[in-house]
Protein backbone atom coordinates (compact mmCIF):
# COMPACT_ATOMS: atom_id res chain seq x y z
CA MET A 1 425.32 -158.45 72.39
CA PRO A 2 424.45 -154.96 73.46
CA GLN A 3 422.49 -154.46 70.25
CA ASN A 4 420.35 -157.50 71.03
CA ASN A 5 419.63 -156.11 74.46
CA ASP A 6 418.57 -152.80 72.96
CA LYS A 7 416.20 -154.55 70.57
CA SER A 8 414.73 -156.60 73.39
CA GLN A 9 414.25 -153.46 75.42
CA ASP A 10 412.48 -151.76 72.51
CA VAL A 11 410.18 -154.73 72.03
CA ALA A 12 409.36 -154.75 75.72
CA ASN A 13 408.62 -151.05 75.71
CA ASP A 14 406.37 -151.44 72.68
CA THR A 15 404.55 -154.27 74.39
CA LEU A 16 404.12 -152.23 77.57
CA ASP A 17 402.83 -149.25 75.56
CA ALA A 18 400.29 -151.43 73.81
CA GLN A 19 399.20 -153.02 77.08
CA SER A 20 398.86 -149.59 78.73
CA GLN A 21 396.77 -148.26 75.85
CA HIS A 22 394.60 -151.38 76.04
CA ASP A 23 394.18 -150.93 79.80
CA ILE A 24 393.39 -147.25 79.41
CA GLN A 25 390.83 -148.02 76.72
CA ARG A 26 389.25 -150.76 78.84
CA ASN A 27 389.12 -148.48 81.90
CA SER A 28 387.53 -145.80 79.77
CA ILE A 29 384.87 -148.23 78.58
CA ASP A 30 384.31 -149.49 82.13
CA SER A 31 383.99 -145.90 83.39
CA ASP A 32 381.44 -145.07 80.72
CA THR A 33 379.51 -148.21 81.60
CA VAL A 34 379.58 -147.38 85.31
CA ALA A 35 378.56 -143.82 84.61
CA THR A 36 375.76 -145.03 82.37
CA ASP A 37 374.60 -147.52 85.01
CA LYS A 38 374.97 -144.95 87.75
CA GLU A 39 372.68 -142.38 86.16
CA PRO A 40 369.41 -144.34 86.68
CA LEU A 41 370.60 -145.31 90.14
CA GLU A 42 371.22 -141.68 91.04
CA ALA A 43 367.89 -140.70 89.53
CA SER A 44 366.20 -143.46 91.49
CA GLU A 45 367.93 -142.36 94.68
CA ASP A 46 366.91 -138.75 94.04
CA LYS A 47 363.33 -139.85 93.53
CA VAL A 48 363.38 -141.89 96.74
CA ASN A 49 364.88 -138.96 98.62
CA ASP A 50 362.24 -136.65 97.20
CA ASP A 51 359.50 -139.11 98.19
CA VAL A 52 360.94 -139.43 101.68
CA ASP A 53 361.24 -135.66 102.02
CA GLY A 54 357.69 -135.23 100.80
CA SER A 55 356.46 -137.91 103.17
CA VAL A 56 358.29 -136.29 106.07
CA LYS A 57 356.84 -132.91 105.16
CA ASP A 58 353.35 -134.40 104.94
CA ASP A 59 353.84 -136.13 108.28
CA ASP A 60 355.10 -132.90 109.81
CA ALA A 61 352.13 -131.02 108.37
CA ASN A 62 349.72 -133.64 109.69
CA THR A 63 351.44 -133.57 113.08
CA ASP A 64 351.24 -129.79 113.19
CA LYS A 65 347.60 -129.95 112.21
CA GLU A 66 346.85 -132.53 114.91
CA ASN A 67 348.76 -130.52 117.50
CA SER A 68 346.93 -127.40 116.43
CA SER A 69 343.54 -129.09 116.74
CA GLN A 70 344.56 -130.52 120.12
CA ASP A 71 345.56 -127.04 121.25
CA VAL A 72 342.19 -125.68 120.15
CA ASP A 73 340.34 -128.49 121.89
CA ALA A 74 342.34 -127.99 125.09
CA SER A 75 341.82 -124.24 125.14
CA ALA A 76 338.16 -124.24 124.13
CA PRO A 77 336.28 -127.17 125.67
CA SER A 78 333.04 -125.21 125.57
CA SER A 79 333.05 -125.18 121.74
CA ASP A 80 333.54 -128.98 121.42
CA VAL A 81 329.80 -129.52 121.36
CA THR A 82 329.24 -127.48 118.22
CA GLU A 83 332.61 -128.16 116.56
CA ASN A 84 332.29 -131.95 116.75
CA LEU A 85 328.65 -132.43 115.83
CA SER A 86 327.92 -135.91 114.50
CA ASP A 87 324.84 -137.41 112.89
CA GLU A 88 323.97 -139.07 116.21
CA ASP A 89 323.39 -135.63 117.73
CA PHE A 90 320.45 -135.05 115.40
CA PRO A 91 317.01 -136.66 115.41
CA GLU A 92 316.34 -139.37 112.84
CA GLU A 93 313.72 -137.14 111.20
CA PHE A 94 316.40 -134.70 110.00
CA THR A 95 317.57 -135.08 106.40
CA GLU A 96 321.25 -135.09 105.50
CA GLU A 97 320.86 -131.61 104.02
CA GLU A 98 319.34 -130.30 107.25
CA LYS A 99 322.14 -131.85 109.32
CA GLU A 100 324.86 -130.33 107.14
CA THR A 101 323.12 -126.95 107.20
CA ILE A 102 322.92 -126.89 110.99
CA LYS A 103 326.54 -128.00 111.28
CA LYS A 104 327.54 -125.11 109.03
CA VAL A 105 325.47 -122.58 110.97
CA ALA A 106 326.68 -123.79 114.36
CA SER A 107 330.40 -124.04 113.54
CA ASP A 108 332.32 -121.80 115.93
CA ASP A 109 336.09 -122.17 115.92
CA ASN A 110 337.13 -118.53 116.35
CA LEU A 111 338.18 -118.34 119.99
CA SER A 112 338.93 -114.61 119.78
CA LYS A 113 335.24 -113.76 119.29
CA ALA A 114 332.06 -114.46 121.20
CA LYS A 115 330.12 -117.57 120.25
CA SER A 116 327.53 -117.19 117.54
CA SER A 117 323.86 -117.32 118.50
CA ALA A 118 323.43 -120.47 116.43
CA SER A 119 326.35 -122.14 118.21
CA ILE A 120 324.87 -121.28 121.62
CA LEU A 121 321.43 -122.54 120.64
CA VAL A 122 322.74 -125.82 119.24
CA GLU A 123 324.77 -126.36 122.42
CA GLN A 124 321.70 -125.71 124.57
CA PHE A 125 319.62 -127.95 122.33
CA ILE A 126 322.06 -130.84 122.78
CA ASP A 127 322.15 -130.28 126.55
CA ALA A 128 318.36 -130.33 126.61
CA LYS A 129 318.30 -133.62 124.72
CA GLU A 130 320.70 -135.09 127.29
CA THR A 131 318.43 -133.88 130.10
CA PHE A 132 315.42 -135.52 128.45
CA GLY A 133 317.38 -138.77 128.38
CA ARG A 134 318.23 -138.79 132.10
CA SER A 135 316.43 -141.10 134.53
CA LEU A 136 313.66 -139.71 136.73
CA GLY A 137 315.67 -140.41 139.86
CA SER A 138 318.66 -138.51 138.52
CA LEU A 139 316.49 -135.53 137.55
CA PHE A 140 314.75 -135.33 140.92
CA THR A 141 317.99 -135.69 142.88
CA SER A 142 319.67 -132.92 140.88
CA ALA A 143 316.64 -130.65 141.26
CA PHE A 144 316.38 -131.43 144.99
CA THR A 145 320.06 -130.50 145.38
CA ALA A 146 319.45 -127.20 143.58
CA GLY A 147 316.56 -126.44 145.96
CA LEU A 148 318.84 -126.92 148.94
CA GLU A 149 321.72 -124.95 147.43
CA ILE A 150 319.62 -121.96 146.37
CA GLY A 151 318.48 -121.59 150.00
CA ILE A 152 321.99 -120.49 150.93
CA SER A 153 321.23 -117.14 149.30
CA PHE A 154 318.25 -116.49 151.55
CA PHE A 155 320.12 -117.65 154.66
CA VAL A 156 322.97 -115.19 154.01
CA ILE A 157 320.56 -112.40 153.02
CA LEU A 158 318.59 -112.74 156.26
CA SER A 159 321.78 -112.69 158.31
CA ALA A 160 323.03 -109.56 156.53
CA PHE A 161 319.63 -107.87 156.89
CA ALA A 162 319.64 -108.51 160.65
CA LEU A 163 323.07 -106.86 160.94
CA LEU A 164 322.20 -103.84 158.76
CA LYS A 165 318.73 -103.30 160.22
CA GLY A 166 319.95 -101.40 163.26
CA VAL A 167 322.49 -99.37 161.27
CA VAL A 168 320.53 -98.09 158.27
CA PRO A 169 316.79 -97.75 157.55
CA ASP A 170 315.01 -101.03 156.87
CA ASP A 171 314.46 -100.30 153.16
CA TYR A 172 318.16 -99.66 152.60
CA ALA A 173 319.10 -102.66 154.70
CA MET A 174 316.86 -104.87 152.56
CA VAL A 175 318.30 -103.58 149.28
CA LEU A 176 321.90 -103.90 150.44
CA SER A 177 321.43 -107.40 151.80
CA SER A 178 319.73 -108.45 148.57
CA LEU A 179 323.03 -107.88 146.75
CA LEU A 180 324.07 -111.24 148.24
CA TYR A 181 321.35 -112.89 146.15
CA PRO A 182 323.79 -114.42 143.59
CA ILE A 183 325.58 -116.73 146.06
CA GLY A 184 323.17 -119.64 145.76
CA PHE A 185 322.78 -119.16 142.00
CA ILE A 186 326.54 -119.35 141.47
CA ILE A 187 326.63 -122.63 143.41
CA VAL A 188 323.74 -124.03 141.37
CA VAL A 189 324.81 -122.88 137.90
CA ILE A 190 328.51 -123.68 138.17
CA GLY A 191 327.67 -126.93 140.00
CA GLN A 192 325.21 -127.78 137.17
CA SER A 193 322.27 -128.70 139.36
CA LEU A 194 318.80 -128.48 137.80
CA LEU A 195 317.08 -125.20 138.65
CA PHE A 196 313.65 -124.66 137.11
CA THR A 197 314.00 -121.04 136.03
CA GLU A 198 317.50 -121.56 134.67
CA GLN A 199 316.41 -124.65 132.73
CA THR A 200 312.98 -123.45 131.56
CA SER A 201 314.04 -122.05 128.18
CA LEU A 202 316.65 -124.75 127.57
CA LEU A 203 314.28 -127.66 128.11
CA SER A 204 311.62 -126.22 125.79
CA LEU A 205 313.89 -126.18 122.73
CA PRO A 206 313.34 -129.82 121.65
CA VAL A 207 309.57 -129.28 121.92
CA LEU A 208 309.70 -126.04 119.91
CA ASN A 209 311.53 -127.93 117.17
CA LYS A 210 309.05 -130.86 117.34
CA ILE A 211 311.69 -133.32 118.49
CA GLU A 212 310.12 -134.11 121.86
CA PRO A 213 306.39 -134.16 122.71
CA LEU A 214 304.84 -131.51 124.96
CA HIS A 215 303.69 -134.01 127.60
CA LYS A 216 307.28 -135.16 128.08
CA LEU A 217 308.36 -131.55 128.69
CA LEU A 218 305.54 -131.00 131.19
CA ARG A 219 306.53 -134.17 133.05
CA LEU A 220 310.15 -133.01 133.10
CA TRP A 221 309.18 -129.56 134.38
CA GLY A 222 307.03 -131.20 137.05
CA ILE A 223 309.95 -133.29 138.31
CA VAL A 224 312.33 -130.32 138.38
CA ILE A 225 309.79 -128.07 140.13
CA ALA A 226 308.97 -130.77 142.68
CA GLY A 227 312.65 -131.33 143.43
CA ASN A 228 313.36 -127.59 143.74
CA VAL A 229 310.33 -126.96 145.98
CA VAL A 230 310.90 -129.95 148.26
CA GLY A 231 314.59 -129.13 148.61
CA GLY A 232 313.80 -125.47 149.33
CA CYS A 233 311.13 -126.32 151.91
CA LEU A 234 313.49 -128.72 153.66
CA PHE A 235 316.19 -126.06 153.76
CA ALA A 236 313.71 -123.52 155.17
CA ALA A 237 312.53 -125.99 157.83
CA LEU A 238 316.01 -126.92 158.98
CA MET A 239 318.43 -124.09 158.23
CA ILE A 240 316.15 -121.12 158.90
CA GLY A 241 315.24 -122.71 162.21
CA LEU A 242 318.94 -123.17 162.90
CA GLY A 243 319.61 -119.52 162.12
CA LEU A 244 316.92 -118.43 164.56
CA ASN A 245 318.47 -120.54 167.31
CA MET A 246 321.89 -119.14 166.49
CA ASP A 247 320.50 -115.58 166.79
CA LEU A 248 321.68 -114.76 163.25
CA PHE A 249 318.27 -113.20 162.52
CA THR A 250 314.85 -112.86 164.12
CA VAL A 251 311.24 -113.68 163.31
CA SER A 252 310.63 -110.01 162.50
CA ALA A 253 313.26 -110.23 159.75
CA ILE A 254 311.51 -113.26 158.27
CA ASN A 255 308.15 -111.42 158.39
CA ALA A 256 309.72 -108.35 156.76
CA TYR A 257 310.97 -110.38 153.79
CA ALA A 258 307.64 -112.16 153.41
CA GLU A 259 305.86 -108.81 153.30
CA HIS A 260 308.43 -107.57 150.80
CA ILE A 261 307.53 -110.54 148.56
CA LEU A 262 303.76 -110.76 149.06
CA GLY A 263 302.82 -107.11 149.45
CA PHE A 264 301.53 -106.68 145.85
CA GLU A 265 298.48 -107.49 143.71
CA TRP A 266 298.65 -110.88 142.01
CA TRP A 267 299.05 -109.37 138.52
CA VAL A 268 302.00 -107.30 139.74
CA ILE A 269 303.63 -110.44 141.14
CA PHE A 270 302.96 -112.20 137.83
CA GLY A 271 304.53 -109.38 135.80
CA SER A 272 307.53 -109.28 138.11
CA ALA A 273 307.91 -113.05 137.75
CA VAL A 274 307.80 -112.76 133.95
CA LEU A 275 310.67 -110.28 134.05
CA ALA A 276 312.61 -112.48 136.48
CA GLY A 277 312.08 -115.53 134.23
CA TRP A 278 313.21 -113.51 131.22
CA MET A 279 316.37 -112.44 133.01
CA MET A 280 317.08 -116.01 134.16
CA GLY A 281 316.69 -117.19 130.56
CA ILE A 282 319.17 -114.50 129.50
CA ALA A 283 321.52 -115.69 132.25
CA ALA A 284 321.34 -119.27 130.91
CA TRP A 285 322.02 -117.95 127.40
CA LEU A 286 324.99 -115.84 128.50
CA VAL A 287 326.46 -118.65 130.62
CA THR A 288 326.44 -120.89 127.55
CA SER A 289 328.09 -118.14 125.48
CA ALA A 290 330.95 -117.76 127.98
CA ARG A 291 334.12 -119.74 127.33
CA ASP A 292 335.49 -119.91 130.89
CA THR A 293 334.26 -120.31 134.48
CA ILE A 294 335.25 -116.83 135.65
CA SER A 295 333.14 -115.22 132.93
CA ARG A 296 330.19 -117.41 133.89
CA ILE A 297 330.46 -116.43 137.55
CA VAL A 298 330.55 -112.74 136.60
CA LEU A 299 327.51 -113.10 134.34
CA VAL A 300 325.48 -115.00 136.93
CA THR A 301 326.41 -112.43 139.57
CA LEU A 302 325.33 -109.49 137.40
CA ILE A 303 322.00 -110.98 136.30
CA THR A 304 320.85 -112.54 139.57
CA GLY A 305 322.24 -109.60 141.57
CA SER A 306 319.99 -107.34 139.50
CA ILE A 307 317.00 -109.60 140.23
CA GLY A 308 317.70 -109.35 143.96
CA PHE A 309 318.35 -105.59 143.85
CA LEU A 310 315.07 -104.96 142.02
CA GLY A 311 313.12 -107.31 144.28
CA LEU A 312 311.79 -109.36 141.36
CA HIS A 313 309.91 -112.58 142.07
CA HIS A 314 311.85 -115.80 141.57
CA SER A 315 309.79 -118.91 142.17
CA ILE A 316 312.42 -121.11 143.84
CA VAL A 317 314.03 -118.50 146.09
CA GLY A 318 310.58 -117.00 146.76
CA ASN A 319 309.33 -120.45 147.75
CA ILE A 320 311.93 -120.56 150.53
CA GLU A 321 311.23 -117.00 151.64
CA VAL A 322 307.48 -117.49 151.90
CA PHE A 323 307.64 -121.04 153.29
CA ALA A 324 310.02 -119.84 156.03
CA ALA A 325 307.43 -117.21 156.97
CA LEU A 326 304.74 -119.89 156.89
CA MET A 327 306.70 -122.04 159.34
CA TYR A 328 308.32 -119.47 161.64
CA GLY A 329 306.60 -116.17 160.89
CA THR A 330 303.22 -114.77 161.87
CA THR A 331 301.85 -113.19 158.69
CA VAL A 332 301.57 -115.95 156.04
CA GLY A 333 298.88 -118.64 155.68
CA ILE A 334 298.88 -121.82 153.61
CA LEU A 335 296.61 -120.33 150.91
CA ASP A 336 298.89 -117.29 150.60
CA TYR A 337 301.83 -119.62 150.07
CA LEU A 338 300.13 -121.85 147.48
CA LEU A 339 298.68 -118.93 145.48
CA PHE A 340 302.03 -117.15 145.47
CA LEU A 341 303.84 -120.27 144.27
CA ALA A 342 301.38 -120.88 141.42
CA VAL A 343 301.48 -117.28 140.15
CA VAL A 344 305.27 -116.98 140.29
CA LEU A 345 305.87 -120.33 138.61
CA ALA A 346 303.56 -119.33 135.76
CA GLY A 347 305.26 -115.94 135.38
CA ASN A 348 308.77 -117.41 135.39
CA THR A 349 307.73 -119.97 132.76
CA VAL A 350 306.26 -117.35 130.43
CA GLY A 351 309.33 -115.13 130.77
CA GLY A 352 311.81 -117.92 130.11
CA VAL A 353 309.99 -119.63 127.25
CA VAL A 354 308.47 -116.72 125.33
CA PHE A 355 311.13 -114.04 125.66
CA VAL A 356 314.18 -116.28 125.36
CA ALA A 357 313.50 -119.70 123.87
CA VAL A 358 310.92 -118.70 121.24
CA LEU A 359 312.70 -115.55 120.05
CA LYS A 360 316.19 -117.08 120.05
CA ASN A 361 314.88 -120.19 118.30
CA ARG A 362 313.27 -118.07 115.59
CA THR A 363 316.59 -116.29 115.05
CA PHE A 364 318.28 -119.67 114.66
CA LEU A 365 315.69 -120.83 112.13
CA PHE A 366 316.21 -117.65 110.11
CA ASP A 367 319.97 -118.33 110.09
CA VAL A 368 319.36 -121.88 108.87
CA ALA A 369 317.04 -120.63 106.11
CA LYS A 370 319.66 -118.10 105.02
CA VAL A 371 322.37 -120.76 104.79
CA ARG A 372 320.04 -122.98 102.77
CA GLU A 373 319.39 -120.16 100.31
CA GLU A 374 323.11 -119.45 99.98
CA SER A 375 323.85 -123.15 99.46
CA ALA A 376 321.15 -123.43 96.80
CA GLU A 377 322.51 -120.33 95.05
CA ASP A 378 326.05 -121.75 95.13
CA LYS A 379 324.83 -125.01 93.60
CA SER A 380 322.99 -123.22 90.81
CA ASN A 381 326.08 -121.11 90.04
CA LYS A 382 328.27 -124.21 89.87
CA LEU A 383 325.81 -125.93 87.53
CA ALA A 384 325.73 -122.86 85.31
CA ARG A 385 329.54 -122.80 85.13
CA LEU A 386 329.68 -126.52 84.31
CA ASN A 387 327.08 -126.12 81.54
CA GLY A 388 329.07 -123.20 80.16
CA ARG A 389 332.24 -125.29 79.97
CA LYS A 390 330.46 -128.15 78.19
CA ARG A 391 329.29 -125.75 75.50
């Protein structure tokens, strides 16, 4: 009986050993199958992960790029005009090649350096086009406002002259009080009202480039001049009279300034007006080149302060000075006033158009021609390299 039990135990052990080996073998096969099936899954997962990582990196790069461009736009609003030029900013007569060339010349994204001359000129050109597109009522109102605002300079100058007159000699008092000349110009330029001398060179750019006809420019100048003169005369009639009644200055002070303006031969006044128009054109150019308001105020102060210090003839301020003498003074007649206004307007126009607009525009055209030559040379070099590879 015990022997039978031993045999049964041996048979059971053998059966268990065989079953275990079979299970081990089956598990081994199953493991190999799982491993084999798992490899493409892992590869697929790795590929998906790589794609996701690449997509995230691309999204991060795009986000950084967008944030960077937003930072540039926020910190440099003055360069938006030339950095974001579109085909709509150009006349229909321009070819695609001309548009691309001007875009290349005018690009100006380096905020650490001053704007390029081409960038400034393109910005002024676009502003001029916008001015040409404004309604007549809008143009006259803006010019009329500028005529009123520019009179603040003369009002303050007369008041300062009256205070200094009894302290220092009259010549010194006049020079010192003239240093307050920039006040009205700062108000006009920063407030973006239309002042003839400041807009003279800017408005002529579309005509110089044959985009707008000359008669349209003359009509525009006429509206701006009329608005400036009417606004200035109204200021002289009301505010200078108010100053006299407030005892801020006297009739003798008004006569002194009129003599200071009119006491020259007509050709001297014309030459002085040319220089004043030139300097005002430079002021408009420099204001466009500046990237912030403080810089613009400093530039306007320096240029117009120099005009006042030198006693140069500015048509719009001079209109108020002489018209005030015509109304309240004793030395100026109507013919003196009209002749003075005609001569000074002509001189300011010549100075602004010839010495700023024409010369700066020619520089711009030379830059465009240079870029065209470089582009043509690049194209020929590329064609030569392509032909060399084909051979």
